[in-house]
């Protein structure tokens, strides 16, 4: 029971990190192609907030994917 709750929390943290990396740091319009046209038009153009923003975003995305994959792997082993 505790293991299931911990793995579910790991998945939620991974999903949150992935969304945060994509929307907050990477900011590539390719990620928003499924949104309505009105929302797509409102999205501001890309501006760099600080040096290393994209590196931090991709690092967070990789960590998030590894976190979610590891929770699936640990759940399959138990």
N, C-alpha and C. Protein backbone atom coordinates (compact mmCIF):
# COMPACT_ATOMS: atom_id res chain seq x y z
N UNK A 1 0.82 -1.19 0.00
CA UNK A 1 0.00 0.00 0.00
C UNK A 1 0.87 1.26 0.00
N UNK A 2 1.86 1.28 0.89
CA UNK A 2 2.74 2.45 0.98
C UNK A 2 3.54 2.60 -0.32
N UNK A 3 3.99 1.46 -0.88
CA UNK A 3 4.77 1.50 -2.12
C UNK A 3 3.93 2.07 -3.26
N UNK A 4 2.67 1.71 -3.33
CA UNK A 4 1.79 2.23 -4.37
C UNK A 4 1.63 3.73 -4.24
N UNK A 5 1.47 4.22 -3.03
CA UNK A 5 1.32 5.66 -2.81
C UNK A 5 2.61 6.39 -3.18
N UNK A 6 3.76 5.84 -2.80
CA UNK A 6 5.03 6.47 -3.15
C UNK A 6 5.27 6.49 -4.66
N UNK A 7 4.92 5.41 -5.34
CA UNK A 7 5.09 5.38 -6.80
C UNK A 7 4.14 6.34 -7.49
N UNK A 8 2.92 6.48 -6.96
CA UNK A 8 1.98 7.44 -7.52
C UNK A 8 2.48 8.87 -7.32
N UNK A 9 3.06 9.14 -6.18
CA UNK A 9 3.63 10.47 -5.92
C UNK A 9 4.82 10.73 -6.85
N UNK A 10 5.63 9.70 -7.09
CA UNK A 10 6.75 9.84 -8.04
C UNK A 10 6.24 10.17 -9.43
N UNK A 11 5.16 9.53 -9.85
CA UNK A 11 4.59 9.82 -11.17
C UNK A 11 4.05 11.25 -11.24
N UNK A 12 3.39 11.69 -10.18
CA UNK A 12 2.84 13.06 -10.17
C UNK A 12 3.96 14.10 -10.19
N UNK A 13 5.02 13.85 -9.43
CA UNK A 13 6.16 14.78 -9.43
C UNK A 13 6.81 14.82 -10.81
N UNK A 14 6.95 13.66 -11.44
CA UNK A 14 7.51 13.61 -12.78
C UNK A 14 6.66 14.37 -13.79
N UNK A 15 5.35 14.22 -13.72
CA UNK A 15 4.47 14.93 -14.64
C UNK A 15 4.54 16.43 -14.40
N UNK A 16 4.56 16.85 -13.14
CA UNK A 16 4.67 18.26 -12.82
C UNK A 16 5.99 18.83 -13.35
N UNK A 17 7.10 18.12 -13.15
CA UNK A 17 8.39 18.59 -13.64
C UNK A 17 8.42 18.67 -15.16
N UNK A 18 7.79 17.72 -15.82
CA UNK A 18 7.76 17.73 -17.27
C UNK A 18 6.97 18.92 -17.80
N UNK A 19 5.82 19.20 -17.20
CA UNK A 19 5.04 20.36 -17.61
C UNK A 19 5.77 21.66 -17.31
N UNK A 20 6.41 21.73 -16.15
CA UNK A 20 7.15 22.93 -15.76
C UNK A 20 8.31 23.17 -16.71
N UNK A 21 9.00 22.10 -17.09
CA UNK A 21 10.13 22.25 -18.01
C UNK A 21 9.66 22.70 -19.39
N UNK A 22 8.59 22.09 -19.88
CA UNK A 22 8.12 22.42 -21.23
C UNK A 22 7.52 23.80 -21.35
N UNK A 23 6.70 24.17 -20.39
CA UNK A 23 6.01 25.46 -20.46
C UNK A 23 6.88 26.59 -19.90
N UNK A 24 7.59 26.33 -18.82
CA UNK A 24 8.32 27.39 -18.16
C UNK A 24 9.69 27.68 -18.71
N UNK A 25 10.40 26.65 -19.17
CA UNK A 25 11.78 26.85 -19.55
C UNK A 25 12.07 26.62 -21.02
N UNK A 26 11.54 25.54 -21.60
CA UNK A 26 11.85 25.23 -22.99
C UNK A 26 11.09 26.17 -23.93
N UNK A 27 9.82 26.37 -23.70
CA UNK A 27 8.96 27.31 -24.41
C UNK A 27 9.03 27.16 -25.93
N UNK A 28 8.86 25.95 -26.42
CA UNK A 28 8.84 25.70 -27.85
C UNK A 28 7.39 25.62 -28.30
N UNK A 29 7.04 26.36 -29.35
CA UNK A 29 5.64 26.38 -29.81
C UNK A 29 5.18 25.04 -30.37
N UNK A 30 6.12 24.13 -30.68
CA UNK A 30 5.74 22.80 -31.15
C UNK A 30 4.97 22.04 -30.09
N UNK A 31 5.21 22.35 -28.82
CA UNK A 31 4.53 21.66 -27.73
C UNK A 31 3.08 22.09 -27.60
N UNK A 32 2.69 23.21 -28.21
CA UNK A 32 1.35 23.76 -28.05
C UNK A 32 0.50 23.64 -29.31
N UNK A 33 0.82 22.73 -30.20
CA UNK A 33 0.10 22.65 -31.47
C UNK A 33 -1.33 22.15 -31.33
N UNK A 34 -1.66 21.48 -30.23
CA UNK A 34 -3.01 20.96 -30.07
C UNK A 34 -3.96 21.95 -29.40
N UNK A 35 -3.44 23.08 -28.94
CA UNK A 35 -4.32 24.05 -28.28
C UNK A 35 -5.13 24.82 -29.33
N UNK A 36 -6.25 25.43 -28.92
CA UNK A 36 -7.06 26.19 -29.87
C UNK A 36 -6.27 27.36 -30.48
N UNK A 37 -6.69 27.79 -31.67
CA UNK A 37 -5.97 28.84 -32.39
C UNK A 37 -5.95 30.14 -31.61
N UNK A 38 -7.01 30.45 -30.88
CA UNK A 38 -7.05 31.68 -30.11
C UNK A 38 -5.97 31.70 -29.03
N UNK A 39 -5.79 30.56 -28.37
CA UNK A 39 -4.77 30.46 -27.33
C UNK A 39 -3.39 30.50 -27.97
N UNK A 40 -3.23 29.86 -29.11
CA UNK A 40 -1.95 29.84 -29.80
C UNK A 40 -1.52 31.23 -30.23
N UNK A 41 -2.50 32.07 -30.62
CA UNK A 41 -2.19 33.44 -31.02
C UNK A 41 -1.79 34.32 -29.84
N UNK A 42 -2.28 33.99 -28.65
CA UNK A 42 -1.99 34.80 -27.46
C UNK A 42 -0.59 34.52 -26.91
N UNK A 43 -0.06 33.32 -27.20
CA UNK A 43 1.25 32.95 -26.68
C UNK A 43 2.29 33.94 -27.19
N UNK A 44 3.04 34.51 -26.26
CA UNK A 44 4.05 35.50 -26.62
C UNK A 44 5.22 34.82 -27.32
N UNK A 45 5.97 35.64 -28.03
CA UNK A 45 7.15 35.09 -28.70
C UNK A 45 8.19 34.71 -27.66
N UNK A 46 9.11 33.89 -28.10
CA UNK A 46 10.11 33.35 -27.20
C UNK A 46 11.08 34.45 -26.75
N UNK A 47 11.26 34.57 -25.46
CA UNK A 47 12.25 35.49 -24.93
C UNK A 47 13.04 34.75 -23.85
N UNK A 48 14.34 34.93 -23.88
CA UNK A 48 15.16 34.22 -22.90
C UNK A 48 15.16 34.99 -21.59
N UNK A 49 14.79 34.31 -20.51
CA UNK A 49 14.73 34.94 -19.19
C UNK A 49 16.10 35.02 -18.55
N UNK A 50 16.90 33.99 -18.68
CA UNK A 50 18.23 33.97 -18.08
C UNK A 50 19.10 33.02 -18.88
N UNK A 51 20.40 33.17 -18.71
CA UNK A 51 21.35 32.32 -19.42
C UNK A 51 21.23 30.89 -18.92
N UNK A 52 21.11 29.95 -19.82
CA UNK A 52 21.00 28.55 -19.45
C UNK A 52 19.57 28.08 -19.24
N UNK A 53 18.59 28.87 -19.67
CA UNK A 53 17.19 28.52 -19.48
C UNK A 53 16.84 27.22 -20.20
N UNK A 54 17.31 27.06 -21.43
CA UNK A 54 16.97 25.88 -22.20
C UNK A 54 17.69 24.64 -21.66
N UNK A 55 18.90 24.82 -21.20
CA UNK A 55 19.65 23.70 -20.63
C UNK A 55 18.94 23.21 -19.36
N UNK A 56 18.53 24.14 -18.52
CA UNK A 56 17.80 23.77 -17.31
C UNK A 56 16.47 23.09 -17.66
N UNK A 57 15.77 23.60 -18.67
CA UNK A 57 14.51 23.00 -19.07
C UNK A 57 14.66 21.58 -19.57
N UNK A 58 15.65 21.36 -20.44
CA UNK A 58 15.85 20.01 -20.96
C UNK A 58 16.37 19.06 -19.88
N UNK A 59 17.17 19.57 -18.95
CA UNK A 59 17.64 18.74 -17.84
C UNK A 59 16.47 18.32 -16.96
N UNK A 60 15.56 19.26 -16.67
CA UNK A 60 14.37 18.92 -15.88
C UNK A 60 13.48 17.92 -16.62
N UNK A 61 13.36 18.09 -17.93
CA UNK A 61 12.53 17.16 -18.71
C UNK A 61 13.12 15.75 -18.68
N UNK A 62 14.44 15.64 -18.80
CA UNK A 62 15.08 14.32 -18.76
C UNK A 62 14.92 13.69 -17.39
N UNK A 63 15.10 14.49 -16.34
CA UNK A 63 14.92 13.98 -14.98
C UNK A 63 13.48 13.51 -14.77
N UNK A 64 12.52 14.26 -15.30
CA UNK A 64 11.11 13.90 -15.14
C UNK A 64 10.79 12.59 -15.84
N UNK A 65 11.30 12.42 -17.05
CA UNK A 65 11.05 11.18 -17.78
C UNK A 65 11.71 10.00 -17.08
N UNK A 66 12.93 10.20 -16.59
CA UNK A 66 13.59 9.12 -15.85
C UNK A 66 12.86 8.79 -14.55
N UNK A 67 12.33 9.80 -13.88
CA UNK A 67 11.58 9.57 -12.65
C UNK A 67 10.31 8.76 -12.92
N UNK A 68 9.59 9.13 -13.98
CA UNK A 68 8.37 8.38 -14.30
C UNK A 68 8.68 6.97 -14.77
N UNK A 69 9.74 6.81 -15.57
CA UNK A 69 10.11 5.47 -16.02
C UNK A 69 10.59 4.60 -14.88
N UNK A 70 11.32 5.19 -13.94
CA UNK A 70 11.79 4.40 -12.81
C UNK A 70 10.66 3.97 -11.90
N UNK A 71 9.64 4.81 -11.77
CA UNK A 71 8.50 4.40 -10.94
C UNK A 71 7.74 3.24 -11.58
N UNK A 72 7.64 3.24 -12.90
CA UNK A 72 7.01 2.10 -13.59
C UNK A 72 7.88 0.85 -13.43
N UNK A 73 9.18 0.99 -13.55
CA UNK A 73 10.10 -0.13 -13.42
C UNK A 73 10.07 -0.70 -12.00
N UNK A 74 10.08 0.17 -10.99
CA UNK A 74 10.02 -0.30 -9.60
C UNK A 74 8.68 -0.97 -9.32
N UNK A 75 7.60 -0.42 -9.87
CA UNK A 75 6.29 -1.03 -9.68
C UNK A 75 6.19 -2.41 -10.33
N UNK A 76 6.88 -2.59 -11.46
CA UNK A 76 6.85 -3.89 -12.12
C UNK A 76 7.66 -4.92 -11.36
N UNK A 77 8.70 -4.49 -10.67
CA UNK A 77 9.52 -5.43 -9.90
C UNK A 77 8.85 -5.89 -8.62
N UNK A 78 8.03 -5.06 -8.03
CA UNK A 78 7.42 -5.40 -6.73
C UNK A 78 6.18 -6.21 -6.91
